[in-house]
N, C-alpha and C. Protein backbone atom coordinates (compact mmCIF):
# COMPACT_ATOMS: atom_id res chain seq x y z
N MET A 1 92.14 48.04 22.22
CA MET A 1 91.13 48.72 21.44
C MET A 1 91.59 50.15 21.15
N GLU A 2 91.57 50.54 19.90
CA GLU A 2 92.05 51.86 19.49
C GLU A 2 91.00 52.92 19.77
N ASN A 3 91.45 54.08 20.24
CA ASN A 3 90.56 55.20 20.49
C ASN A 3 90.19 55.85 19.16
N THR A 4 88.90 55.87 18.84
CA THR A 4 88.46 56.44 17.57
C THR A 4 87.90 57.84 17.73
N ASN A 5 87.94 58.39 18.93
CA ASN A 5 87.44 59.74 19.16
C ASN A 5 88.51 60.75 18.79
N LYS A 6 88.50 61.18 17.55
CA LYS A 6 89.48 62.16 17.09
C LYS A 6 88.95 63.56 17.38
N HIS A 7 89.84 64.39 17.84
CA HIS A 7 89.48 65.78 18.14
C HIS A 7 89.80 66.63 16.92
N THR A 8 88.81 66.80 16.05
CA THR A 8 89.03 67.52 14.82
C THR A 8 88.29 68.86 14.77
N THR A 9 87.47 69.14 15.77
CA THR A 9 86.79 70.43 15.83
C THR A 9 87.11 71.09 17.17
N TRP A 10 87.03 72.40 17.18
CA TRP A 10 87.32 73.15 18.40
C TRP A 10 86.38 72.73 19.53
N GLU A 11 85.13 72.51 19.20
CA GLU A 11 84.13 72.14 20.21
C GLU A 11 84.40 70.76 20.81
N SER A 12 85.06 69.90 20.07
CA SER A 12 85.32 68.54 20.56
C SER A 12 86.49 68.48 21.55
N LEU A 13 87.25 69.57 21.63
CA LEU A 13 88.42 69.58 22.53
C LEU A 13 88.00 69.86 23.96
N PRO A 14 88.61 69.17 24.93
CA PRO A 14 88.35 69.49 26.34
C PRO A 14 89.06 70.80 26.72
N ASP A 15 88.78 71.32 27.90
CA ASP A 15 89.38 72.58 28.35
C ASP A 15 90.87 72.45 28.65
N ILE A 16 91.30 71.26 29.05
CA ILE A 16 92.72 71.00 29.32
C ILE A 16 93.17 69.94 28.31
N LEU A 17 94.21 70.28 27.55
CA LEU A 17 94.62 69.45 26.42
C LEU A 17 95.90 68.68 26.68
N THR A 18 95.99 67.52 26.07
CA THR A 18 97.21 66.73 26.06
C THR A 18 97.87 66.88 24.70
N ALA A 19 99.07 66.36 24.56
CA ALA A 19 99.75 66.37 23.27
C ALA A 19 98.94 65.62 22.23
N GLN A 20 98.27 64.56 22.63
CA GLN A 20 97.44 63.77 21.71
C GLN A 20 96.29 64.62 21.16
N HIS A 21 95.61 65.36 22.05
CA HIS A 21 94.52 66.23 21.60
C HIS A 21 95.02 67.22 20.55
N ILE A 22 96.15 67.87 20.87
CA ILE A 22 96.71 68.89 19.97
C ILE A 22 97.13 68.27 18.65
N SER A 23 97.74 67.11 18.73
CA SER A 23 98.19 66.39 17.54
C SER A 23 97.01 66.11 16.60
N GLU A 24 95.94 65.58 17.15
CA GLU A 24 94.75 65.26 16.36
C GLU A 24 94.13 66.52 15.78
N PHE A 25 94.04 67.57 16.57
CA PHE A 25 93.39 68.81 16.12
C PHE A 25 94.19 69.51 15.03
N LEU A 26 95.51 69.61 15.23
CA LEU A 26 96.35 70.32 14.26
C LEU A 26 96.81 69.45 13.10
N GLY A 27 96.65 68.15 13.23
CA GLY A 27 97.07 67.25 12.16
C GLY A 27 98.58 67.14 12.06
N ILE A 28 99.25 67.19 13.21
CA ILE A 28 100.70 67.02 13.25
C ILE A 28 101.01 65.87 14.21
N SER A 29 102.24 65.39 14.17
CA SER A 29 102.60 64.25 15.03
C SER A 29 102.69 64.68 16.50
N ARG A 30 102.50 63.71 17.37
CA ARG A 30 102.68 63.98 18.80
C ARG A 30 104.12 64.38 19.08
N ARG A 31 105.04 63.77 18.36
CA ARG A 31 106.45 64.11 18.53
C ARG A 31 106.67 65.60 18.26
N ARG A 32 106.06 66.11 17.18
CA ARG A 32 106.20 67.53 16.86
C ARG A 32 105.58 68.40 17.95
N VAL A 33 104.46 67.98 18.50
CA VAL A 33 103.84 68.73 19.60
C VAL A 33 104.81 68.80 20.78
N TYR A 34 105.43 67.68 21.14
CA TYR A 34 106.38 67.69 22.24
C TYR A 34 107.59 68.57 21.93
N GLU A 35 108.01 68.59 20.67
CA GLU A 35 109.11 69.50 20.29
C GLU A 35 108.69 70.95 20.50
N LEU A 36 107.45 71.27 20.13
CA LEU A 36 106.95 72.64 20.32
C LEU A 36 106.78 72.99 21.80
N PHE A 37 106.53 71.98 22.63
CA PHE A 37 106.47 72.21 24.08
C PHE A 37 107.83 72.64 24.62
N LYS A 38 108.90 72.13 24.02
CA LYS A 38 110.26 72.43 24.50
C LYS A 38 110.74 73.81 24.07
N VAL A 39 110.15 74.37 23.00
CA VAL A 39 110.56 75.68 22.50
C VAL A 39 109.95 76.75 23.40
N HIS A 40 110.76 77.75 23.76
CA HIS A 40 110.26 78.85 24.58
C HIS A 40 109.12 79.55 23.85
N VAL A 41 108.11 79.97 24.58
CA VAL A 41 106.93 80.60 23.99
C VAL A 41 107.31 81.81 23.13
N GLU A 42 108.29 82.58 23.56
CA GLU A 42 108.72 83.75 22.80
C GLU A 42 109.25 83.39 21.41
N TYR A 43 109.66 82.15 21.24
CA TYR A 43 110.22 81.70 19.97
C TYR A 43 109.28 80.76 19.22
N GLY A 44 108.01 80.78 19.58
CA GLY A 44 107.01 80.02 18.83
C GLY A 44 106.55 78.73 19.46
N GLY A 45 106.99 78.44 20.68
CA GLY A 45 106.57 77.22 21.35
C GLY A 45 105.16 77.30 21.88
N ILE A 46 104.54 76.15 22.06
CA ILE A 46 103.19 76.08 22.62
C ILE A 46 103.29 76.22 24.14
N PRO A 47 102.56 77.19 24.72
CA PRO A 47 102.60 77.33 26.18
C PRO A 47 102.01 76.09 26.85
N ASN A 48 102.70 75.60 27.86
CA ASN A 48 102.25 74.38 28.53
C ASN A 48 102.71 74.38 29.97
N TYR A 49 102.20 73.45 30.73
CA TYR A 49 102.61 73.27 32.12
C TYR A 49 102.64 71.78 32.43
N GLU A 50 103.28 71.45 33.53
CA GLU A 50 103.43 70.04 33.89
C GLU A 50 102.56 69.68 35.09
N ILE A 51 102.01 68.49 35.01
CA ILE A 51 101.35 67.86 36.15
C ILE A 51 102.08 66.54 36.31
N GLY A 52 102.97 66.49 37.27
CA GLY A 52 103.84 65.33 37.39
C GLY A 52 104.75 65.29 36.18
N LEU A 53 104.74 64.19 35.46
CA LEU A 53 105.54 64.06 34.25
C LEU A 53 104.75 64.40 32.98
N SER A 54 103.47 64.69 33.14
CA SER A 54 102.61 64.97 32.00
C SER A 54 102.58 66.45 31.66
N LYS A 55 102.54 66.75 30.37
CA LYS A 55 102.42 68.13 29.90
C LYS A 55 100.95 68.39 29.58
N ARG A 56 100.49 69.58 29.90
CA ARG A 56 99.11 69.98 29.62
C ARG A 56 99.09 71.40 29.07
N VAL A 57 98.02 71.71 28.32
CA VAL A 57 97.84 73.02 27.72
C VAL A 57 96.40 73.44 27.95
N ASP A 58 96.20 74.67 28.40
CA ASP A 58 94.85 75.19 28.50
C ASP A 58 94.34 75.48 27.10
N LYS A 59 93.09 75.13 26.84
CA LYS A 59 92.50 75.33 25.52
C LYS A 59 92.60 76.80 25.09
N ALA A 60 92.38 77.72 26.04
CA ALA A 60 92.47 79.15 25.73
C ALA A 60 93.88 79.53 25.30
N ASP A 61 94.90 78.92 25.91
CA ASP A 61 96.29 79.21 25.53
C ASP A 61 96.58 78.70 24.12
N LEU A 62 96.04 77.53 23.77
CA LEU A 62 96.25 77.02 22.42
C LEU A 62 95.60 77.95 21.40
N LYS A 63 94.41 78.43 21.73
CA LYS A 63 93.72 79.34 20.81
C LYS A 63 94.55 80.60 20.58
N GLN A 64 95.11 81.17 21.67
CA GLN A 64 95.96 82.36 21.54
C GLN A 64 97.21 82.06 20.72
N TRP A 65 97.79 80.89 20.91
CA TRP A 65 98.98 80.48 20.17
C TRP A 65 98.67 80.41 18.68
N ILE A 66 97.52 79.83 18.33
CA ILE A 66 97.12 79.72 16.93
C ILE A 66 96.91 81.12 16.34
N ILE A 67 96.25 82.00 17.07
CA ILE A 67 96.02 83.37 16.61
C ILE A 67 97.36 84.07 16.37
N LYS A 68 98.29 83.90 17.30
CA LYS A 68 99.62 84.52 17.15
C LYS A 68 100.33 84.00 15.92
N LYS A 69 100.25 82.69 15.68
CA LYS A 69 100.89 82.10 14.50
C LYS A 69 100.29 82.66 13.21
N LYS A 70 98.98 82.83 13.18
CA LYS A 70 98.32 83.40 12.00
C LYS A 70 98.76 84.84 11.76
N GLU A 71 98.86 85.61 12.85
CA GLU A 71 99.30 87.00 12.73
C GLU A 71 100.73 87.08 12.22
N GLU A 72 101.61 86.21 12.72
CA GLU A 72 103.00 86.17 12.26
C GLU A 72 103.05 85.86 10.77
N LYS A 73 102.23 84.94 10.32
CA LYS A 73 102.20 84.55 8.91
C LYS A 73 101.75 85.73 8.04
N ARG A 74 100.75 86.47 8.49
CA ARG A 74 100.27 87.64 7.73
C ARG A 74 101.32 88.72 7.62
N ARG A 75 102.12 88.89 8.67
CA ARG A 75 103.17 89.93 8.67
C ARG A 75 104.31 89.58 7.73
N ASN A 76 104.55 88.30 7.51
CA ASN A 76 105.69 87.87 6.69
C ASN A 76 105.30 87.62 5.30
């Protein structure tokens, strides 16, 4: 059975996010999210941490990352 609960609004996101949550919210592939996890934060990567083999992101960190990306876009 396919999960139909798409996270398309900020309020629908849980406090701790998976790559799937971020993918649905940003409208990008999970593969791209994992690529951004591998990039150092200083170079535009999404801040994340590991729990076992799983990657997780705090919702507040994603919000700051989005704000930073918007600011970078305005400067360029």
